[in-house]
Amino acid sequence: MPADPEFSAQTVWMLAVRDRRDRAAFEALFDDFAPRLKGFMMRGGMGAAQAEEIVQEVMLTVWRKASMYDPARAQVAAWIYQIARNRQIDVIRKERRPVPEDIGGFPDPEPDGGQVLAVEQEAGALKEALARLKPAQREVIEKAYMGELTHQEISDQTGLPLGTIKSRIRLGLERLRHELKDMR
């Protein structure tokens, strides 16, 4: 599957798993996510052996439920980490331990209406601020933050020097901070 410039490597791998049951792509996903997921589990209070077991179960779920992945709905990392968080909660409940409050940074599964409205307003303000950026800055920021590309990958894709990519991102982020400073 040729790399789509709009997708990160993780997304390309996930789509290959979803669409063609590509074992090499799954291996790349596993190698990329397994160590990070283990750390995530351990920061949530799991022991190393239990964290490894949960990571195995999560990645098996990723393989089995790959057909459910939709890149328009979530980035690969968010999708996989949500599976991991759900599995972690299941294990904690089974052991009847209290759920740690500060392990995931994930929102509650059912936010209240006020939270939804606030997020929608913030997203709208961010979208407007992005639209006001210079096109060159907007392009690299979108590739870096929405496309999950590294600075080097953006440089390789666009043919621009790495220093130019970094400068555009830095200047664009400064402009966004300035535009959005009243939202805090």
Protein backbone atom coordinates (compact mmCIF):
# COMPACT_ATOMS: atom_id res chain seq x y z
CA MET A 1 0.00 0.00 0.00
CA PRO A 2 1.67 3.30 -1.02
CA ALA A 3 1.96 5.85 1.75
CA ASP A 4 -0.78 8.45 1.58
CA PRO A 5 0.75 11.87 2.36
CA GLU A 6 -2.30 12.62 4.52
CA PHE A 7 -1.72 9.62 6.81
CA SER A 8 0.94 8.88 9.40
CA ALA A 9 2.90 5.65 9.24
CA GLN A 10 0.74 4.27 12.06
CA THR A 11 -2.43 5.01 10.08
CA VAL A 12 -1.00 3.39 6.93
CA TRP A 13 -0.11 0.29 8.97
CA MET A 14 -3.55 0.18 10.60
CA LEU A 15 -5.30 0.50 7.25
CA ALA A 16 -3.15 -2.31 5.86
CA VAL A 17 -4.18 -4.48 8.81
CA ARG A 18 -7.82 -3.47 8.42
CA ASP A 19 -8.03 -3.86 4.65
CA ARG A 20 -5.60 -6.70 3.90
CA ARG A 21 -4.90 -8.38 7.27
CA ASP A 22 -1.26 -7.44 6.62
CA ARG A 23 0.89 -9.22 9.22
CA ALA A 24 3.99 -7.10 8.56
CA ALA A 25 1.96 -3.93 9.13
CA PHE A 26 0.57 -5.40 12.35
CA GLU A 27 4.09 -6.25 13.48
CA ALA A 28 5.11 -2.63 12.86
CA LEU A 29 2.07 -1.43 14.85
CA PHE A 30 2.90 -3.83 17.65
CA ASP A 31 6.54 -2.76 17.77
CA ASP A 32 5.51 0.89 17.83
CA PHE A 33 2.73 0.70 20.41
CA ALA A 34 3.56 -2.21 22.75
CA PRO A 35 6.33 -0.47 24.74
CA ARG A 36 4.30 2.73 25.08
CA LEU A 37 1.18 0.82 26.13
CA LYS A 38 3.18 -1.10 28.73
CA GLY A 39 4.44 2.19 30.19
CA PHE A 40 0.90 3.55 30.16
CA MET A 41 -0.34 0.51 32.08
CA MET A 42 2.49 0.66 34.59
CA ARG A 43 1.89 4.37 35.23
CA GLY A 44 -1.69 3.34 35.98
CA GLY A 45 -0.56 1.06 38.78
CA MET A 46 -0.11 -2.26 37.00
CA GLY A 47 2.92 -4.45 37.58
CA ALA A 48 5.23 -5.19 34.66
CA ALA A 49 3.96 -8.74 34.09
CA GLN A 50 0.31 -7.70 34.27
CA ALA A 51 0.98 -4.71 32.00
CA GLU A 52 2.60 -7.00 29.41
CA GLU A 53 -0.37 -9.36 29.55
CA ILE A 54 -2.81 -6.48 29.03
CA VAL A 55 -0.74 -5.15 26.12
CA GLN A 56 -0.93 -8.59 24.49
CA GLU A 57 -4.72 -8.59 24.93
CA VAL A 58 -5.02 -5.03 23.60
CA MET A 59 -2.97 -5.75 20.50
CA LEU A 60 -4.96 -8.95 19.91
CA THR A 61 -8.11 -6.81 20.10
CA VAL A 62 -6.57 -4.37 17.60
CA TRP A 63 -6.00 -7.30 15.21
CA ARG A 64 -9.48 -8.74 15.72
CA LYS A 65 -11.34 -5.43 15.54
CA ALA A 66 -9.23 -3.78 12.84
CA SER A 67 -12.29 -3.68 10.58
CA MET A 68 -13.86 -1.19 13.00
CA TYR A 69 -11.05 1.38 12.66
CA ASP A 70 -12.02 4.56 10.79
CA PRO A 71 -9.28 7.16 10.27
CA ALA A 72 -11.96 9.85 9.86
CA ARG A 73 -13.17 9.25 13.42
CA ALA A 74 -9.90 8.91 15.36
CA GLN A 75 -6.17 8.79 15.05
CA VAL A 76 -4.68 5.32 15.42
CA ALA A 77 -3.02 6.17 18.74
CA ALA A 78 -6.27 7.46 20.22
CA TRP A 79 -8.14 4.37 19.05
CA ILE A 80 -5.56 1.94 20.45
CA TYR A 81 -5.15 3.83 23.73
CA GLN A 82 -8.92 3.84 24.22
CA ILE A 83 -8.94 0.05 23.80
CA ALA A 84 -6.10 -0.14 26.32
CA ARG A 85 -7.83 2.16 28.80
CA ASN A 86 -11.05 0.14 28.55
CA ARG A 87 -9.15 -3.10 29.10
CA GLN A 88 -7.30 -1.58 32.06
CA ILE A 89 -10.59 -0.50 33.64
CA ASP A 90 -12.00 -4.01 33.12
CA VAL A 91 -9.00 -5.54 34.91
CA ILE A 92 -9.18 -3.04 37.77
CA ARG A 93 -12.90 -3.65 38.22
CA LYS A 94 -12.38 -7.39 38.16
CA GLU A 95 -9.83 -7.00 40.95
CA ARG A 96 -12.18 -4.55 42.70
CA ARG A 97 -9.47 -1.93 42.99
CA PRO A 98 -10.31 1.77 42.80
CA VAL A 99 -9.75 3.25 39.34
CA PRO A 100 -6.82 5.69 39.38
CA GLU A 101 -7.97 9.19 38.53
CA ASP A 102 -4.89 10.54 36.80
CA ILE A 103 -3.61 7.77 34.56
CA GLY A 104 -4.98 8.48 31.16
CA GLY A 105 -5.90 12.00 30.42
CA PHE A 106 -8.86 10.55 28.54
CA PRO A 107 -12.22 12.25 28.98
CA ASP A 108 -15.10 10.50 30.71
CA PRO A 109 -16.96 8.26 28.26
CA GLU A 110 -20.14 10.35 28.56
CA PRO A 111 -19.26 14.04 29.02
CA ASP A 112 -22.03 16.36 30.07
CA GLY A 113 -23.59 18.82 27.62
CA GLY A 114 -21.53 21.74 28.93
CA GLN A 115 -18.30 19.87 28.28
CA VAL A 116 -19.41 18.94 24.77
CA LEU A 117 -20.34 22.54 23.99
CA ALA A 118 -17.05 23.84 25.39
CA VAL A 119 -15.04 21.36 23.32
CA GLU A 120 -17.01 22.24 20.19
CA GLN A 121 -16.44 25.96 20.78
CA GLU A 122 -12.73 25.41 21.36
CA ALA A 123 -12.48 23.27 18.23
CA GLY A 124 -14.27 25.97 16.23
CA ALA A 125 -11.96 28.66 17.57
CA LEU A 126 -8.92 26.53 16.75
CA LYS A 127 -10.20 25.87 13.24
CA GLU A 128 -10.71 29.61 12.67
CA ALA A 129 -7.26 30.41 14.07
CA LEU A 130 -5.70 27.76 11.82
CA ALA A 131 -7.48 29.26 8.82
CA ARG A 132 -5.88 32.64 9.59
CA LEU A 133 -2.35 31.22 9.54
CA LYS A 134 -0.16 31.60 6.50
CA PRO A 135 -0.83 28.59 4.24
CA ALA A 136 2.76 27.34 4.58
CA GLN A 137 2.53 27.40 8.40
CA ARG A 138 -0.92 25.82 8.44
CA GLU A 139 0.20 23.00 6.14
CA VAL A 140 3.15 21.92 8.31
CA ILE A 141 1.19 22.27 11.57
CA GLU A 142 -1.61 20.12 10.18
CA LYS A 143 0.88 17.51 8.98
CA ALA A 144 2.67 17.47 12.34
CA TYR A 145 -0.31 17.49 14.68
CA MET A 146 -3.21 16.06 12.72
CA GLY A 147 -1.25 13.84 10.37
CA GLU A 148 1.03 12.55 13.15
CA LEU A 149 4.14 13.14 11.02
CA THR A 150 7.57 13.88 12.45
CA HIS A 151 9.41 17.00 11.35
CA GLN A 152 11.73 14.79 9.29
CA GLU A 153 8.80 13.06 7.58
CA ILE A 154 7.31 16.46 6.70
CA SER A 155 10.66 17.56 5.31
CA ASP A 156 10.94 14.38 3.24
CA GLN A 157 7.36 14.79 1.98
CA THR A 158 7.58 18.47 1.08
CA GLY A 159 11.24 18.67 0.05
CA LEU A 160 11.74 21.63 2.40
CA PRO A 161 14.78 21.81 4.69
CA LEU A 162 14.23 20.50 8.22
CA GLY A 163 15.08 23.93 9.68
CA THR A 164 12.35 25.55 7.57
CA ILE A 165 9.81 22.99 8.78
CA LYS A 166 10.76 23.62 12.41
CA SER A 167 10.63 27.40 11.96
CA ARG A 168 7.22 27.30 10.30
CA ILE A 169 5.82 25.11 13.06
CA ARG A 170 7.30 27.31 15.80
CA LEU A 171 6.04 30.54 14.24
CA GLY A 172 2.64 29.04 13.49
CA LEU A 173 2.25 27.77 17.05
CA GLU A 174 3.24 31.17 18.44
CA ARG A 175 0.59 32.77 16.27
CA LEU A 176 -2.01 30.22 17.39
CA ARG A 177 -1.10 30.82 21.05
CA HIS A 178 -1.58 34.54 20.52
CA GLU A 179 -4.90 34.04 18.68
CA LEU A 180 -6.25 31.64 21.31
CA LYS A 181 -4.88 33.29 24.48
CA ASP A 182 -8.34 34.49 25.58
CA MET A 183 -9.68 30.92 25.67
CA ARG A 184 -7.77 30.00 28.85
